[in-house]
Amino acid sequence: MSKQKFNIFLLDLRGEPCPYPVVFSLDTLRRLDKGTIVEILADCPQSFISVPEEVIKAGYEMVEPPQKVGPTLRFLVRIPE
């Protein structure tokens, strides 16, 4: 059995009002290495739709559907290789 190694980067944007979760997410994704998985946390309600829409539009991949746990929104995004 082979093991895959993943680089995971946590981007905590809780407390940032919209549109900053989208702006900061895209800026961070542009700066990281290909293959990196980014866990984005936010609590701006509009981010639930805007973050996935914009990261997909920019060519990144959602690893799983957005999740909401209490006020926290969680997104897993992968930078394609």
N, C-alpha and C. Protein backbone atom coordinates (compact mmCIF):
# COMPACT_ATOMS: atom_id res chain seq x y z
N MET A 1 0.85 -1.17 0.00
CA MET A 1 0.00 0.00 0.00
C MET A 1 0.90 1.24 0.00
N SER A 2 0.61 2.18 -0.89
CA SER A 2 1.40 3.41 -0.93
C SER A 2 0.69 4.51 -0.15
N LYS A 3 1.49 5.37 0.41
CA LYS A 3 0.93 6.50 1.17
C LYS A 3 1.14 7.76 0.36
N GLN A 4 0.09 8.58 0.31
CA GLN A 4 0.21 9.87 -0.34
C GLN A 4 0.50 10.91 0.71
N LYS A 5 1.35 11.86 0.35
CA LYS A 5 1.66 12.95 1.26
C LYS A 5 1.00 14.21 0.72
N PHE A 6 0.30 14.90 1.60
CA PHE A 6 -0.39 16.12 1.20
C PHE A 6 0.17 17.30 1.99
N ASN A 7 0.31 18.42 1.33
CA ASN A 7 0.59 19.68 2.02
C ASN A 7 -0.75 20.31 2.31
N ILE A 8 -1.02 20.59 3.58
CA ILE A 8 -2.29 21.21 3.95
C ILE A 8 -2.00 22.56 4.58
N PHE A 9 -2.68 23.59 4.10
CA PHE A 9 -2.50 24.95 4.58
C PHE A 9 -3.83 25.41 5.17
N LEU A 10 -3.80 25.96 6.39
CA LEU A 10 -5.02 26.46 7.04
C LEU A 10 -5.10 27.96 6.85
N LEU A 11 -6.22 28.42 6.31
CA LEU A 11 -6.47 29.85 6.13
C LEU A 11 -7.71 30.19 6.95
N ASP A 12 -7.51 30.81 8.10
CA ASP A 12 -8.61 31.13 9.02
C ASP A 12 -9.05 32.57 8.78
N LEU A 13 -10.21 32.72 8.16
CA LEU A 13 -10.74 34.04 7.83
C LEU A 13 -11.98 34.37 8.65
N ARG A 14 -12.16 33.66 9.75
CA ARG A 14 -13.31 33.97 10.61
C ARG A 14 -13.15 35.40 11.13
N GLY A 15 -14.26 36.12 11.11
CA GLY A 15 -14.25 37.52 11.55
C GLY A 15 -14.07 38.50 10.40
N GLU A 16 -13.68 38.02 9.23
CA GLU A 16 -13.52 38.90 8.07
C GLU A 16 -14.86 39.05 7.35
N PRO A 17 -15.30 40.30 7.13
CA PRO A 17 -16.57 40.50 6.42
C PRO A 17 -16.40 40.26 4.92
N CYS A 18 -17.50 39.94 4.26
CA CYS A 18 -17.47 39.77 2.81
C CYS A 18 -17.15 41.12 2.17
N PRO A 19 -16.40 41.16 1.12
CA PRO A 19 -15.94 40.09 0.24
C PRO A 19 -14.55 39.55 0.59
N TYR A 20 -14.02 39.89 1.76
CA TYR A 20 -12.63 39.53 2.07
C TYR A 20 -12.34 38.03 2.09
N PRO A 21 -13.24 37.16 2.53
CA PRO A 21 -12.92 35.73 2.44
C PRO A 21 -12.60 35.28 1.01
N VAL A 22 -13.32 35.78 0.03
CA VAL A 22 -13.04 35.43 -1.37
C VAL A 22 -11.71 36.05 -1.80
N VAL A 23 -11.53 37.32 -1.52
CA VAL A 23 -10.31 38.04 -1.95
C VAL A 23 -9.07 37.39 -1.34
N PHE A 24 -9.08 37.16 -0.03
CA PHE A 24 -7.91 36.57 0.64
C PHE A 24 -7.69 35.12 0.22
N SER A 25 -8.78 34.38 -0.01
CA SER A 25 -8.64 32.99 -0.45
C SER A 25 -7.95 32.92 -1.80
N LEU A 26 -8.41 33.70 -2.76
CA LEU A 26 -7.81 33.68 -4.10
C LEU A 26 -6.35 34.14 -4.06
N ASP A 27 -6.06 35.16 -3.27
CA ASP A 27 -4.69 35.65 -3.15
C ASP A 27 -3.78 34.57 -2.57
N THR A 28 -4.26 33.87 -1.55
CA THR A 28 -3.46 32.81 -0.92
C THR A 28 -3.27 31.64 -1.88
N LEU A 29 -4.32 31.23 -2.57
CA LEU A 29 -4.22 30.11 -3.50
C LEU A 29 -3.20 30.38 -4.60
N ARG A 30 -3.11 31.61 -5.06
CA ARG A 30 -2.14 31.97 -6.11
C ARG A 30 -0.70 31.82 -5.64
N ARG A 31 -0.48 31.96 -4.33
CA ARG A 31 0.89 31.98 -3.79
C ARG A 31 1.41 30.60 -3.37
N LEU A 32 0.53 29.62 -3.24
CA LEU A 32 0.94 28.32 -2.72
C LEU A 32 1.33 27.35 -3.84
N ASP A 33 2.02 26.29 -3.46
CA ASP A 33 2.50 25.29 -4.42
C ASP A 33 1.36 24.46 -4.99
N LYS A 34 1.56 23.98 -6.21
CA LYS A 34 0.61 23.08 -6.84
C LYS A 34 0.48 21.82 -5.99
N GLY A 35 -0.73 21.29 -5.91
CA GLY A 35 -0.98 20.09 -5.13
C GLY A 35 -1.33 20.36 -3.68
N THR A 36 -1.16 21.60 -3.23
CA THR A 36 -1.48 21.94 -1.84
C THR A 36 -2.99 21.93 -1.64
N ILE A 37 -3.41 21.43 -0.49
CA ILE A 37 -4.82 21.49 -0.10
C ILE A 37 -4.95 22.61 0.92
N VAL A 38 -5.91 23.48 0.70
CA VAL A 38 -6.12 24.63 1.58
C VAL A 38 -7.45 24.44 2.29
N GLU A 39 -7.41 24.48 3.61
CA GLU A 39 -8.62 24.47 4.42
C GLU A 39 -8.94 25.91 4.76
N ILE A 40 -10.07 26.39 4.27
CA ILE A 40 -10.48 27.78 4.48
C ILE A 40 -11.62 27.79 5.48
N LEU A 41 -11.47 28.60 6.53
CA LEU A 41 -12.52 28.78 7.52
C LEU A 41 -13.02 30.21 7.43
N ALA A 42 -14.33 30.39 7.43
CA ALA A 42 -14.93 31.72 7.37
C ALA A 42 -16.23 31.69 8.15
N ASP A 43 -16.76 32.87 8.45
CA ASP A 43 -18.06 32.92 9.12
C ASP A 43 -18.99 33.97 8.51
N CYS A 44 -18.60 34.51 7.38
CA CYS A 44 -19.46 35.43 6.64
C CYS A 44 -20.45 34.59 5.84
N PRO A 45 -21.76 34.70 6.11
CA PRO A 45 -22.74 33.81 5.47
C PRO A 45 -22.68 33.78 3.94
N GLN A 46 -22.40 34.91 3.30
CA GLN A 46 -22.35 34.94 1.84
C GLN A 46 -21.20 34.08 1.29
N SER A 47 -20.20 33.82 2.12
CA SER A 47 -19.05 33.02 1.68
C SER A 47 -19.43 31.60 1.32
N PHE A 48 -20.53 31.10 1.88
CA PHE A 48 -20.93 29.71 1.62
C PHE A 48 -21.12 29.47 0.13
N ILE A 49 -21.58 30.48 -0.57
CA ILE A 49 -21.76 30.37 -2.02
C ILE A 49 -20.60 31.01 -2.78
N SER A 50 -20.16 32.19 -2.32
CA SER A 50 -19.17 32.94 -3.10
C SER A 50 -17.78 32.31 -3.12
N VAL A 51 -17.32 31.73 -2.02
CA VAL A 51 -15.98 31.13 -2.02
C VAL A 51 -15.91 29.96 -3.01
N PRO A 52 -16.80 28.96 -2.93
CA PRO A 52 -16.71 27.87 -3.91
C PRO A 52 -16.86 28.35 -5.36
N GLU A 53 -17.79 29.26 -5.62
CA GLU A 53 -17.99 29.76 -6.99
C GLU A 53 -16.71 30.38 -7.54
N GLU A 54 -16.09 31.24 -6.74
CA GLU A 54 -14.93 31.98 -7.23
C GLU A 54 -13.68 31.11 -7.33
N VAL A 55 -13.48 30.18 -6.40
CA VAL A 55 -12.28 29.33 -6.51
C VAL A 55 -12.39 28.39 -7.71
N ILE A 56 -13.59 27.89 -7.98
CA ILE A 56 -13.78 27.03 -9.16
C ILE A 56 -13.59 27.85 -10.44
N LYS A 57 -14.15 29.05 -10.46
CA LYS A 57 -14.00 29.94 -11.61
C LYS A 57 -12.53 30.25 -11.89
N ALA A 58 -11.72 30.31 -10.83
CA ALA A 58 -10.29 30.62 -10.96
C ALA A 58 -9.46 29.38 -11.30
N GLY A 59 -10.11 28.20 -11.39
CA GLY A 59 -9.39 27.00 -11.81
C GLY A 59 -8.94 26.07 -10.70
N TYR A 60 -9.38 26.32 -9.47
CA TYR A 60 -9.03 25.45 -8.35
C TYR A 60 -10.13 24.41 -8.16
N GLU A 61 -9.85 23.38 -7.37
CA GLU A 61 -10.79 22.28 -7.19
C GLU A 61 -11.31 22.22 -5.76
N MET A 62 -12.62 22.06 -5.62
CA MET A 62 -13.20 21.81 -4.31
C MET A 62 -13.00 20.32 -4.02
N VAL A 63 -12.37 20.00 -2.89
CA VAL A 63 -12.12 18.61 -2.52
C VAL A 63 -13.41 17.95 -2.04
N GLU A 64 -14.25 18.73 -1.38
CA GLU A 64 -15.54 18.26 -0.88
C GLU A 64 -16.50 19.43 -0.86
N PRO A 65 -17.79 19.18 -0.74
CA PRO A 65 -18.75 20.28 -0.67
C PRO A 65 -18.50 21.15 0.57
N PRO A 66 -18.88 22.43 0.51
CA PRO A 66 -18.72 23.30 1.68
C PRO A 66 -19.47 22.72 2.87
N GLN A 67 -18.93 22.95 4.06
CA GLN A 67 -19.56 22.47 5.28
C GLN A 67 -19.85 23.64 6.20
N LYS A 68 -20.95 23.53 6.94
CA LYS A 68 -21.30 24.55 7.93
C LYS A 68 -21.43 23.86 9.27
N VAL A 69 -20.64 24.32 10.25
CA VAL A 69 -20.70 23.81 11.62
C VAL A 69 -20.89 25.02 12.52
N GLY A 70 -22.13 25.19 13.01
CA GLY A 70 -22.43 26.41 13.76
C GLY A 70 -22.24 27.60 12.83
N PRO A 71 -21.58 28.64 13.30
CA PRO A 71 -21.35 29.80 12.42
C PRO A 71 -20.16 29.64 11.48
N THR A 72 -19.38 28.58 11.68
CA THR A 72 -18.16 28.40 10.89
C THR A 72 -18.43 27.66 9.59
N LEU A 73 -17.91 28.22 8.51
CA LEU A 73 -17.98 27.61 7.18
C LEU A 73 -16.61 27.04 6.88
N ARG A 74 -16.58 25.83 6.31
CA ARG A 74 -15.31 25.16 6.03
C ARG A 74 -15.28 24.74 4.56
N PHE A 75 -14.17 25.09 3.91
CA PHE A 75 -13.97 24.75 2.50
C PHE A 75 -12.62 24.06 2.36
N LEU A 76 -12.59 22.98 1.61
CA LEU A 76 -11.32 22.31 1.28
C LEU A 76 -11.08 22.48 -0.21
N VAL A 77 -9.99 23.15 -0.54
CA VAL A 77 -9.68 23.48 -1.92
C VAL A 77 -8.31 22.92 -2.26
N ARG A 78 -8.19 22.35 -3.47
CA ARG A 78 -6.90 21.82 -3.91
C ARG A 78 -6.39 22.64 -5.09
N ILE A 79 -5.11 22.95 -5.03
CA ILE A 79 -4.47 23.64 -6.15
C ILE A 79 -4.04 22.56 -7.14
N PRO A 80 -4.59 22.56 -8.35
CA PRO A 80 -4.26 21.50 -9.31
C PRO A 80 -2.78 21.49 -9.67
N GLU A 81 -2.30 20.30 -10.03
CA GLU A 81 -0.89 20.15 -10.41
C GLU A 81 -0.70 20.39 -11.88
